[in-house]
């Protein structure tokens, strides 16, 4: 599944079903740029994980709503409910393991 981008307007619709990994990021953030290709690989290699990216500069209200204080912030949703969160870079295998076992 390719990466999906969300805004405040369509966020709830995007996370409502299945395993959804949300990446709160900013274009100017170096660690965000580092994890970007990893998230793309996770999205392309795992049909059971939807990866959604949210730009914090463009969707500040959403970042505040979910308590994002540092980026990259990774939030995991299962059927619309937040079940876990992490901050910072993670290697691909650790990221997939975290998503599947959270």
PDB file of N, CA and C in Angstrom:
ATOM      1  N   UNK A   1       0.834  -1.174   0.000  1.00  0.00           N
ATOM      2  CA  UNK A   1       0.000   0.000   0.000  1.00  0.00           C
ATOM      3  C   UNK A   1       0.884   1.245   0.000  1.00  0.00           C
ATOM      4  N   UNK A   2       0.607   2.192  -0.857  1.00  0.00           N
ATOM      5  CA  UNK A   2       1.444   3.399  -0.845  1.00  0.00           C
ATOM      6  C   UNK A   2       1.169   4.271   0.385  1.00  0.00           C
ATOM      7  N   UNK A   3       2.101   5.166   0.655  1.00  0.00           N
ATOM      8  CA  UNK A   3       1.912   6.133   1.733  1.00  0.00           C
ATOM      9  C   UNK A   3       0.696   7.000   1.421  1.00  0.00           C
ATOM     10  N   UNK A   4       0.025   7.444   2.472  1.00  0.00           N
ATOM     11  CA  UNK A   4      -1.144   8.304   2.337  1.00  0.00           C
ATOM     12  C   UNK A   4      -0.884   9.554   3.159  1.00  0.00           C
ATOM     13  N   UNK A   5      -1.291  10.694   2.650  1.00  0.00           N
ATOM     14  CA  UNK A   5      -1.167  11.947   3.395  1.00  0.00           C
ATOM     15  C   UNK A   5      -2.531  12.344   3.922  1.00  0.00           C
ATOM     16  N   UNK A   6      -2.564  12.856   5.149  1.00  0.00           N
ATOM     17  CA  UNK A   6      -3.829  13.244   5.761  1.00  0.00           C
ATOM     18  C   UNK A   6      -3.768  14.694   6.221  1.00  0.00           C
ATOM     19  N   UNK A   7      -4.942  15.288   6.300  1.00  0.00           N
ATOM     20  CA  UNK A   7      -5.093  16.638   6.842  1.00  0.00           C
ATOM     21  C   UNK A   7      -6.062  16.558   8.015  1.00  0.00           C
ATOM     22  N   UNK A   8      -6.218  17.643   8.706  1.00  0.00           N
ATOM     23  CA  UNK A   8      -7.158  17.690   9.815  1.00  0.00           C
ATOM     24  C   UNK A   8      -8.555  17.279   9.340  1.00  0.00           C
ATOM     25  N   UNK A   9      -8.912  17.667   8.122  1.00  0.00           N
ATOM     26  CA  UNK A   9     -10.252  17.399   7.591  1.00  0.00           C
ATOM     27  C   UNK A   9     -10.529  15.918   7.359  1.00  0.00           C
ATOM     28  N   UNK A  10      -9.528  15.144   6.918  1.00  0.00           N
ATOM     29  CA  UNK A  10      -9.795  13.736   6.575  1.00  0.00           C
ATOM     30  C   UNK A  10      -9.094  12.728   7.480  1.00  0.00           C
ATOM     31  N   UNK A  11      -8.461  13.189   8.544  1.00  0.00           N
ATOM     32  CA  UNK A  11      -7.668  12.312   9.407  1.00  0.00           C
ATOM     33  C   UNK A  11      -8.489  11.175  10.006  1.00  0.00           C
ATOM     34  N   UNK A  12      -9.636  11.492  10.605  1.00  0.00           N
ATOM     35  CA  UNK A  12     -10.461  10.477  11.285  1.00  0.00           C
ATOM     36  C   UNK A  12     -10.910   9.385  10.303  1.00  0.00           C
ATOM     37  N   UNK A  13     -11.198   9.790   9.070  1.00  0.00           N
ATOM     38  CA  UNK A  13     -11.604   8.827   8.047  1.00  0.00           C
ATOM     39  C   UNK A  13     -10.456   7.867   7.723  1.00  0.00           C
ATOM     40  N   UNK A  14      -9.234   8.390   7.671  1.00  0.00           N
ATOM     41  CA  UNK A  14      -8.076   7.567   7.292  1.00  0.00           C
ATOM     42  C   UNK A  14      -7.688   6.552   8.365  1.00  0.00           C
ATOM     43  N   UNK A  15      -7.955   6.869   9.642  1.00  0.00           N
ATOM     44  CA  UNK A  15      -7.501   5.977  10.721  1.00  0.00           C
ATOM     45  C   UNK A  15      -8.588   5.042  11.229  1.00  0.00           C
ATOM     46  N   UNK A  16      -9.776   5.070  10.634  1.00  0.00           N
ATOM     47  CA  UNK A  16     -10.918   4.404  11.257  1.00  0.00           C
ATOM     48  C   UNK A  16     -10.875   2.881  11.248  1.00  0.00           C
ATOM     49  N   UNK A  17     -10.114   2.254  10.352  1.00  0.00           N
ATOM     50  CA  UNK A  17     -10.096   0.795  10.377  1.00  0.00           C
ATOM     51  C   UNK A  17      -8.719   0.220  10.069  1.00  0.00           C
ATOM     52  N   UNK A  18      -8.443  -0.920  10.712  1.00  0.00           N
ATOM     53  CA  UNK A  18      -7.189  -1.625  10.512  1.00  0.00           C
ATOM     54  C   UNK A  18      -6.038  -1.041  11.303  1.00  0.00           C
ATOM     55  N   UNK A  19      -4.824  -1.526  10.993  1.00  0.00           N
ATOM     56  CA  UNK A  19      -3.588  -1.025  11.607  1.00  0.00           C
ATOM     57  C   UNK A  19      -3.131   0.196  10.826  1.00  0.00           C
ATOM     58  N   UNK A  20      -3.100   1.340  11.509  1.00  0.00           N
ATOM     59  CA  UNK A  20      -2.703   2.579  10.848  1.00  0.00           C
ATOM     60  C   UNK A  20      -1.552   3.201  11.634  1.00  0.00           C
ATOM     61  N   UNK A  21      -0.424   3.374  10.960  1.00  0.00           N
ATOM     62  CA  UNK A  21       0.750   4.010  11.538  1.00  0.00           C
ATOM     63  C   UNK A  21       0.789   5.445  11.036  1.00  0.00           C
ATOM     64  N   UNK A  22       0.688   6.393  11.970  1.00  0.00           N
ATOM     65  CA  UNK A  22       0.656   7.809  11.596  1.00  0.00           C
ATOM     66  C   UNK A  22       1.999   8.443  11.933  1.00  0.00           C
ATOM     67  N   UNK A  23       2.570   9.120  10.958  1.00  0.00           N
ATOM     68  CA  UNK A  23       3.836   9.827  11.117  1.00  0.00           C
ATOM     69  C   UNK A  23       3.560  11.322  11.112  1.00  0.00           C
ATOM     70  N   UNK A  24       3.699  11.965  12.277  1.00  0.00           N
ATOM     71  CA  UNK A  24       3.632  13.418  12.352  1.00  0.00           C
ATOM     72  C   UNK A  24       5.037  13.926  12.041  1.00  0.00           C
ATOM     73  N   UNK A  25       5.171  14.746  10.999  1.00  0.00           N
ATOM     74  CA  UNK A  25       6.490  15.153  10.503  1.00  0.00           C
ATOM     75  C   UNK A  25       6.474  16.611  10.061  1.00  0.00           C
ATOM     76  N   UNK A  26       7.655  17.120   9.744  1.00  0.00           N
ATOM     77  CA  UNK A  26       7.793  18.430   9.099  1.00  0.00           C
ATOM     78  C   UNK A  26       8.893  18.317   8.047  1.00  0.00           C
ATOM     79  N   UNK A  27       8.762  19.077   6.973  1.00  0.00           N
ATOM     80  CA  UNK A  27       9.742  19.018   5.878  1.00  0.00           C
ATOM     81  C   UNK A  27      11.137  19.438   6.323  1.00  0.00           C
ATOM     82  N   UNK A  28      11.241  20.327   7.316  1.00  0.00           N
ATOM     83  CA  UNK A  28      12.535  20.853   7.764  1.00  0.00           C
ATOM     84  C   UNK A  28      13.227  19.948   8.787  1.00  0.00           C
ATOM     85  N   UNK A  29      12.576  18.879   9.212  1.00  0.00           N
ATOM     86  CA  UNK A  29      13.071  18.006  10.290  1.00  0.00           C
ATOM     87  C   UNK A  29      13.979  16.899   9.731  1.00  0.00           C
ATOM     88  N   UNK A  30      15.268  16.931  10.104  1.00  0.00           N
ATOM     89  CA  UNK A  30      16.229  15.939   9.588  1.00  0.00           C
ATOM     90  C   UNK A  30      15.860  14.502   9.983  1.00  0.00           C
ATOM     91  N   UNK A  31      15.545  14.202  11.247  1.00  0.00           N
ATOM     92  CA  UNK A  31      15.140  12.818  11.581  1.00  0.00           C
ATOM     93  C   UNK A  31      13.881  12.382  10.829  1.00  0.00           C
ATOM     94  N   UNK A  32      12.994  13.334  10.535  1.00  0.00           N
ATOM     95  CA  UNK A  32      11.793  13.011   9.753  1.00  0.00           C
ATOM     96  C   UNK A  32      12.182  12.562   8.345  1.00  0.00           C
ATOM     97  N   UNK A  33      13.159  13.251   7.773  1.00  0.00           N
ATOM     98  CA  UNK A  33      13.632  12.881   6.432  1.00  0.00           C
ATOM     99  C   UNK A  33      14.336  11.532   6.459  1.00  0.00           C
ATOM    100  N   UNK A  34      14.998  11.211   7.580  1.00  0.00           N
ATOM    101  CA  UNK A  34      15.675   9.908   7.707  1.00  0.00           C
ATOM    102  C   UNK A  34      14.663   8.760   7.756  1.00  0.00           C
ATOM    103  N   UNK A  35      13.566   8.946   8.477  1.00  0.00           N
ATOM    104  CA  UNK A  35      12.607   7.850   8.637  1.00  0.00           C
ATOM    105  C   UNK A  35      11.656   7.743   7.448  1.00  0.00           C
ATOM    106  N   UNK A  36      11.586   8.787   6.616  1.00  0.00           N
ATOM    107  CA  UNK A  36      10.697   8.780   5.458  1.00  0.00           C
ATOM    108  C   UNK A  36      10.836   7.556   4.563  1.00  0.00           C
ATOM    109  N   UNK A  37      12.050   7.218   4.107  1.00  0.00           N
ATOM    110  CA  UNK A  37      12.208   6.033   3.255  1.00  0.00           C
ATOM    111  C   UNK A  37      11.858   4.727   3.981  1.00  0.00           C
ATOM    112  N   UNK A  38      12.108   4.672   5.273  1.00  0.00           N
ATOM    113  CA  UNK A  38      11.755   3.481   6.062  1.00  0.00           C
ATOM    114  C   UNK A  38      10.238   3.309   6.069  1.00  0.00           C
ATOM    115  N   UNK A  39       9.524   4.394   6.297  1.00  0.00           N
ATOM    116  CA  UNK A  39       8.061   4.334   6.301  1.00  0.00           C
ATOM    117  C   UNK A  39       7.521   3.948   4.934  1.00  0.00           C
ATOM    118  N   UNK A  40       8.167   4.438   3.885  1.00  0.00           N
ATOM    119  CA  UNK A  40       7.745   4.076   2.536  1.00  0.00           C
ATOM    120  C   UNK A  40       7.916   2.576   2.295  1.00  0.00           C
ATOM    121  N   UNK A  41       9.031   2.011   2.763  1.00  0.00           N
ATOM    122  CA  UNK A  41       9.251   0.565   2.645  1.00  0.00           C
ATOM    123  C   UNK A  41       8.207  -0.211   3.439  1.00  0.00           C
ATOM    124  N   UNK A  42       7.934   0.223   4.663  1.00  0.00           N
ATOM    125  CA  UNK A  42       6.924  -0.443   5.491  1.00  0.00           C
ATOM    126  C   UNK A  42       5.576  -0.429   4.771  1.00  0.00           C
ATOM    127  N   UNK A  43       5.203   0.717   4.221  1.00  0.00           N
ATOM    128  CA  UNK A  43       3.924   0.835   3.507  1.00  0.00           C
ATOM    129  C   UNK A  43       3.870  -0.092   2.296  1.00  0.00           C
ATOM    130  N   UNK A  44       4.953  -0.140   1.534  1.00  0.00           N
ATOM    131  CA  UNK A  44       4.969  -0.941   0.310  1.00  0.00           C
ATOM    132  C   UNK A  44       5.068  -2.439   0.564  1.00  0.00           C
ATOM    133  N   UNK A  45       5.646  -2.830   1.689  1.00  0.00           N
ATOM    134  CA  UNK A  45       5.890  -4.249   1.953  1.00  0.00           C
ATOM    135  C   UNK A  45       4.870  -4.897   2.877  1.00  0.00           C
ATOM    136  N   UNK A  46       3.955  -4.123   3.454  1.00  0.00           N
ATOM    137  CA  UNK A  46       2.998  -4.666   4.421  1.00  0.00           C
ATOM    138  C   UNK A  46       1.584  -4.211   4.068  1.00  0.00           C
ATOM    139  N   UNK A  47       0.832  -5.108   3.428  1.00  0.00           N
ATOM    140  CA  UNK A  47      -0.533  -4.768   3.023  1.00  0.00           C
ATOM    141  C   UNK A  47      -1.458  -4.570   4.211  1.00  0.00           C
ATOM    142  N   UNK A  48      -1.061  -5.059   5.386  1.00  0.00           N
ATOM    143  CA  UNK A  48      -1.922  -4.954   6.567  1.00  0.00           C
ATOM    144  C   UNK A  48      -1.614  -3.719   7.414  1.00  0.00           C
ATOM    145  N   UNK A  49      -0.713  -2.854   6.938  1.00  0.00           N
ATOM    146  CA  UNK A  49      -0.378  -1.618   7.656  1.00  0.00           C
ATOM    147  C   UNK A  49      -0.558  -0.431   6.707  1.00  0.00           C
ATOM    148  N   UNK A  50      -1.423   0.490   7.101  1.00  0.00           N
ATOM    149  CA  UNK A  50      -1.579   1.737   6.347  1.00  0.00           C
ATOM    150  C   UNK A  50      -0.690   2.774   7.004  1.00  0.00           C
ATOM    151  N   UNK A  51       0.176   3.411   6.226  1.00  0.00           N
ATOM    152  CA  UNK A  51       1.050   4.458   6.754  1.00  0.00           C
ATOM    153  C   UNK A  51       0.504   5.805   6.296  1.00  0.00           C
ATOM    154  N   UNK A  52       0.182   6.655   7.285  1.00  0.00           N
ATOM    155  CA  UNK A  52      -0.401   7.966   7.030  1.00  0.00           C
ATOM    156  C   UNK A  52       0.562   9.033   7.529  1.00  0.00           C
ATOM    157  N   UNK A  53       0.869   9.997   6.692  1.00  0.00           N
ATOM    158  CA  UNK A  53       1.770  11.091   7.069  1.00  0.00           C
ATOM    159  C   UNK A  53       0.960  12.367   7.289  1.00  0.00           C
ATOM    160  N   UNK A  54       1.289  13.075   8.384  1.00  0.00           N
ATOM    161  CA  UNK A  54       0.618  14.332   8.713  1.00  0.00           C
ATOM    162  C   UNK A  54       1.688  15.400   8.917  1.00  0.00           C
ATOM    163  N   UNK A  55       1.629  16.453   8.100  1.00  0.00           N
ATOM    164  CA  UNK A  55       2.575  17.566   8.212  1.00  0.00           C
ATOM    165  C   UNK A  55       2.132  18.463   9.375  1.00  0.00           C
ATOM    166  N   UNK A  56       2.975  18.554  10.420  1.00  0.00           N
ATOM    167  CA  UNK A  56       2.590  19.315  11.615  1.00  0.00           C
ATOM    168  C   UNK A  56       2.497  20.811  11.344  1.00  0.00           C
ATOM    169  N   UNK A  57       3.267  21.321  10.400  1.00  0.00           N
ATOM    170  CA  UNK A  57       3.207  22.749  10.080  1.00  0.00           C
ATOM    171  C   UNK A  57       1.859  23.115   9.441  1.00  0.00           C
ATOM    172  N   UNK A  58       1.304  22.191   8.677  1.00  0.00           N
ATOM    173  CA  UNK A  58       0.038  22.444   7.979  1.00  0.00           C
ATOM    174  C   UNK A  58      -1.180  21.998   8.779  1.00  0.00           C
ATOM    175  N   UNK A  59      -0.973  21.176   9.799  1.00  0.00           N
ATOM    176  CA  UNK A  59      -2.076  20.610  10.584  1.00  0.00           C
ATOM    177  C   UNK A  59      -1.779  20.723  12.076  1.00  0.00           C
ATOM    178  N   UNK A  60      -1.517  21.939  12.525  1.00  0.00           N
ATOM    179  CA  UNK A  60      -1.106  22.158  13.914  1.00  0.00           C
ATOM    180  C   UNK A  60      -2.176  21.727  14.915  1.00  0.00           C
ATOM    181  N   UNK A  61      -3.434  21.947  14.609  1.00  0.00           N
ATOM    182  CA  UNK A  61      -4.506  21.577  15.539  1.00  0.00           C
ATOM    183  C   UNK A  61      -4.526  20.067  15.776  1.00  0.00           C
ATOM    184  N   UNK A  62      -4.263  19.301  14.731  1.00  0.00           N
ATOM    185  CA  UNK A  62      -4.230  17.841  14.847  1.00  0.00           C
ATOM    186  C   UNK A  62      -3.050  17.402  15.711  1.00  0.00           C
ATOM    187  N   UNK A  63      -1.908  18.026  15.514  1.00  0.00           N
ATOM    188  CA  UNK A  63      -0.727  17.704  16.328  1.00  0.00           C
ATOM    189  C   UNK A  63      -1.002  18.003  17.800  1.00  0.00           C
ATOM    190  N   UNK A  64      -1.652  19.125  18.073  1.00  0.00           N
ATOM    191  CA  UNK A  64      -1.990  19.481  19.456  1.00  0.00           C
ATOM    192  C   UNK A  64      -2.988  18.476  20.028  1.00  0.00           C
ATOM    193  N   UNK A  65      -3.994  18.127  19.240  1.00  0.00           N
ATOM    194  CA  UNK A  65      -5.023  17.181  19.703  1.00  0.00           C
ATOM    195  C   UNK A  65      -4.422  15.854  20.146  1.00  0.00           C
ATOM    196  N   UNK A  66      -3.383  15.395  19.435  1.00  0.00           N
ATOM    197  CA  UNK A  66      -2.772  14.108  19.760  1.00  0.00           C
ATOM    198  C   UNK A  66      -1.509  14.242  20.610  1.00  0.00           C
ATOM    199  N   UNK A  67      -1.259  15.423  21.130  1.00  0.00           N
ATOM    200  CA  UNK A  67      -0.164  15.611  22.075  1.00  0.00           C
ATOM    201  C   UNK A  67       1.222  15.476  21.485  1.00  0.00           C
ATOM    202  N   UNK A  68       1.370  15.803  20.218  1.00  0.00           N
ATOM    203  CA  UNK A  68       2.675  15.704  19.569  1.00  0.00           C
ATOM    204  C   UNK A  68       3.556  16.853  20.059  1.00  0.00           C
ATOM    205  N   UNK A  69       4.666  16.490  20.724  1.00  0.00           N
ATOM    206  CA  UNK A  69       5.576  17.506  21.251  1.00  0.00           C
ATOM    207  C   UNK A  69       6.911  17.524  20.521  1.00  0.00           C
ATOM    208  N   UNK A  70       7.256  16.417  19.915  1.00  0.00           N
ATOM    209  CA  UNK A  70       8.501  16.313  19.156  1.00  0.00           C
ATOM    210  C   UNK A  70       8.239  15.489  17.908  1.00  0.00           C
ATOM    211  N   UNK A  71       9.047  15.710  16.890  1.00  0.00           N
ATOM    212  CA  UNK A  71       8.864  14.960  15.646  1.00  0.00           C
ATOM    213  C   UNK A  71      10.184  14.323  15.222  1.00  0.00           C
ATOM    214  N   UNK A  72      10.151  13.229  14.501  1.00  0.00           N
ATOM    215  CA  UNK A  72       8.950  12.538  14.075  1.00  0.00           C
ATOM    216  C   UNK A  72       8.244  11.859  15.251  1.00  0.00           C
ATOM    217  N   UNK A  73       6.934  11.953  15.259  1.00  0.00           N
ATOM    218  CA  UNK A  73       6.112  11.268  16.254  1.00  0.00           C
ATOM    219  C   UNK A  73       5.319  10.201  15.513  1.00  0.00           C
ATOM    220  N   UNK A  74       5.432   8.973  15.982  1.00  0.00           N
ATOM    221  CA  UNK A  74       4.728   7.859  15.359  1.00  0.00           C
ATOM    222  C   UNK A  74       3.616   7.418  16.287  1.00  0.00           C
ATOM    223  N   UNK A  75       2.384   7.463  15.798  1.00  0.00           N
ATOM    224  CA  UNK A  75       1.231   7.034  16.573  1.00  0.00           C
ATOM    225  C   UNK A  75       0.618   5.840  15.876  1.00  0.00           C
ATOM    226  N   UNK A  76       0.253   4.836  16.659  1.00  0.00           N
ATOM    227  CA  UNK A  76      -0.338   3.626  16.103  1.00  0.00           C
ATOM    228  C   UNK A  76      -1.804   3.553  16.491  1.00  0.00           C
ATOM    229  N   UNK A  77      -2.643   3.376  15.478  1.00  0.00           N
ATOM    230  CA  UNK A  77      -4.083   3.249  15.685  1.00  0.00           C
ATOM    231  C   UNK A  77      -4.533   1.875  15.217  1.00  0.00           C
ATOM    232  N   UNK A  78      -5.426   1.259  15.976  1.00  0.00           N
ATOM    233  CA  UNK A  78      -6.063   0.005  15.559  1.00  0.00           C
ATOM    234  C   UNK A  78      -7.555   0.260  15.574  1.00  0.00           C
ATOM    235  N   UNK A  79      -8.158   0.180  14.385  1.00  0.00           N
ATOM    236  CA  UNK A  79      -9.589   0.443  14.219  1.00  0.00           C
ATOM    237  C   UNK A  79     -10.003   1.759  14.870  1.00  0.00           C
ATOM    238  N   UNK A  80      -9.223   2.807  14.630  1.00  0.00           N
ATOM    239  CA  UNK A  80      -9.570   4.148  15.064  1.00  0.00           C
ATOM    240  C   UNK A  80      -9.154   4.522  16.470  1.00  0.00           C
ATOM    241  N   UNK A  81      -8.650   3.570  17.249  1.00  0.00           N
ATOM    242  CA  UNK A  81      -8.230   3.859  18.622  1.00  0.00           C
ATOM    243  C   UNK A  81      -6.714   3.892  18.708  1.00  0.00           C
ATOM    244  N   UNK A  82      -6.176   4.935  19.337  1.00  0.00           N
ATOM    245  CA  UNK A  82      -4.726   5.009  19.502  1.00  0.00           C
ATOM    246  C   UNK A  82      -4.295   3.973  20.536  1.00  0.00           C
ATOM    247  N   UNK A  83      -3.333   3.126  20.152  1.00  0.00           N
ATOM    248  CA  UNK A  83      -2.881   2.056  21.052  1.00  0.00           C
ATOM    249  C   UNK A  83      -1.427   2.223  21.490  1.00  0.00           C
ATOM    250  N   UNK A  84      -0.657   3.050  20.773  1.00  0.00           N
ATOM    251  CA  UNK A  84       0.755   3.218  21.133  1.00  0.00           C
ATOM    252  C   UNK A  84       1.309   4.454  20.437  1.00  0.00           C
ATOM    253  N   UNK A  85       2.440   4.940  20.958  1.00  0.00           N
ATOM    254  CA  UNK A  85       3.140   6.041  20.306  1.00  0.00           C
ATOM    255  C   UNK A  85       4.630   5.946  20.595  1.00  0.00           C
ATOM    256  N   UNK A  86       5.412   6.457  19.672  1.00  0.00           N
ATOM    257  CA  UNK A  86       6.877   6.499  19.797  1.00  0.00           C
ATOM    258  C   UNK A  86       7.350   7.792  19.171  1.00  0.00           C
ATOM    259  N   UNK A  87       8.511   8.226  19.581  1.00  0.00           N
ATOM    260  CA  UNK A  87       9.107   9.412  18.972  1.00  0.00           C
ATOM    261  C   UNK A  87      10.486   9.045  18.443  1.00  0.00           C
ATOM    262  N   UNK A  88      10.872   9.661  17.341  1.00  0.00           N
ATOM    263  CA  UNK A  88      12.209   9.457  16.806  1.00  0.00           C
ATOM    264  C   UNK A  88      12.303   8.355  15.780  1.00  0.00           C
ATOM    265  N   UNK A  89      13.517   8.175  15.297  1.00  0.00           N
ATOM    266  CA  UNK A  89      13.815   7.210  14.238  1.00  0.00           C
ATOM    267  C   UNK A  89      13.749   5.777  14.760  1.00  0.00           C
ATOM    268  N   UNK A  90      13.266   4.869  13.931  1.00  0.00           N
ATOM    269  CA  UNK A  90      13.300   3.428  14.217  1.00  0.00           C
ATOM    270  C   UNK A  90      13.686   2.697  12.937  1.00  0.00           C
ATOM    271  N   UNK A  91      14.552   1.664  13.037  1.00  0.00           N
ATOM    272  CA  UNK A  91      14.842   0.860  11.847  1.00  0.00           C
ATOM    273  C   UNK A  91      13.587   0.101  11.406  1.00  0.00           C
ATOM    274  N   UNK A  92      13.553  -0.291  10.147  1.00  0.00           N
ATOM    275  CA  UNK A  92      12.362  -0.905   9.557  1.00  0.00           C
ATOM    276  C   UNK A  92      11.881  -2.133  10.321  1.00  0.00           C
ATOM    277  N   UNK A  93      12.769  -3.076  10.620  1.00  0.00           N
ATOM    278  CA  UNK A  93      12.344  -4.307  11.284  1.00  0.00           C
ATOM    279  C   UNK A  93      11.748  -4.024  12.658  1.00  0.00           C
ATOM    280  N   UNK A  94      12.366  -3.110  13.398  1.00  0.00           N
ATOM    281  CA  UNK A  94      11.857  -2.752  14.723  1.00  0.00           C
ATOM    282  C   UNK A  94      10.500  -2.063  14.605  1.00  0.00           C
ATOM    283  N   UNK A  95      10.342  -1.250  13.582  1.00  0.00           N
ATOM    284  CA  UNK A  95       9.093  -0.537  13.367  1.00  0.00           C
ATOM    285  C   UNK A  95       7.951  -1.503  13.052  1.00  0.00           C
ATOM    286  N   UNK A  96       8.184  -2.438  12.140  1.00  0.00           N
ATOM    287  CA  UNK A  96       7.157  -3.426  11.774  1.00  0.00           C
ATOM    288  C   UNK A  96       6.814  -4.287  12.981  1.00  0.00           C
ATOM    289  N   UNK A  97       7.811  -4.710  13.732  1.00  0.00           N
ATOM    290  CA  UNK A  97       7.601  -5.519  14.928  1.00  0.00           C
ATOM    291  C   UNK A  97       6.744  -4.762  15.937  1.00  0.00           C
ATOM    292  N   UNK A  98       7.060  -3.480  16.147  1.00  0.00           N
ATOM    293  CA  UNK A  98       6.301  -2.649  17.079  1.00  0.00           C
ATOM    294  C   UNK A  98       4.839  -2.529  16.645  1.00  0.00           C
ATOM    295  N   UNK A  99       4.612  -2.286  15.363  1.00  0.00           N
ATOM    296  CA  UNK A  99       3.240  -2.123  14.860  1.00  0.00           C
ATOM    297  C   UNK A  99       2.450  -3.411  15.034  1.00  0.00           C
ATOM    298  N   UNK A 100       3.053  -4.541  14.698  1.00  0.00           N
ATOM    299  CA  UNK A 100       2.319  -5.807  14.733  1.00  0.00           C
ATOM    300  C   UNK A 100       2.102  -6.328  16.135  1.00  0.00           C
ATOM    301  N   UNK A 101       2.924  -5.910  17.092  1.00  0.00           N
ATOM    302  CA  UNK A 101       2.808  -6.459  18.446  1.00  0.00           C
ATOM    303  C   UNK A 101       2.279  -5.474  19.495  1.00  0.00           C
ATOM    304  N   UNK A 102       1.927  -4.278  19.070  1.00  0.00           N
ATOM    305  CA  UNK A 102       1.442  -3.268  20.035  1.00  0.00           C
ATOM    306  C   UNK A 102       0.003  -3.569  20.421  1.00  0.00           C
TER     307      UNK A 102
END
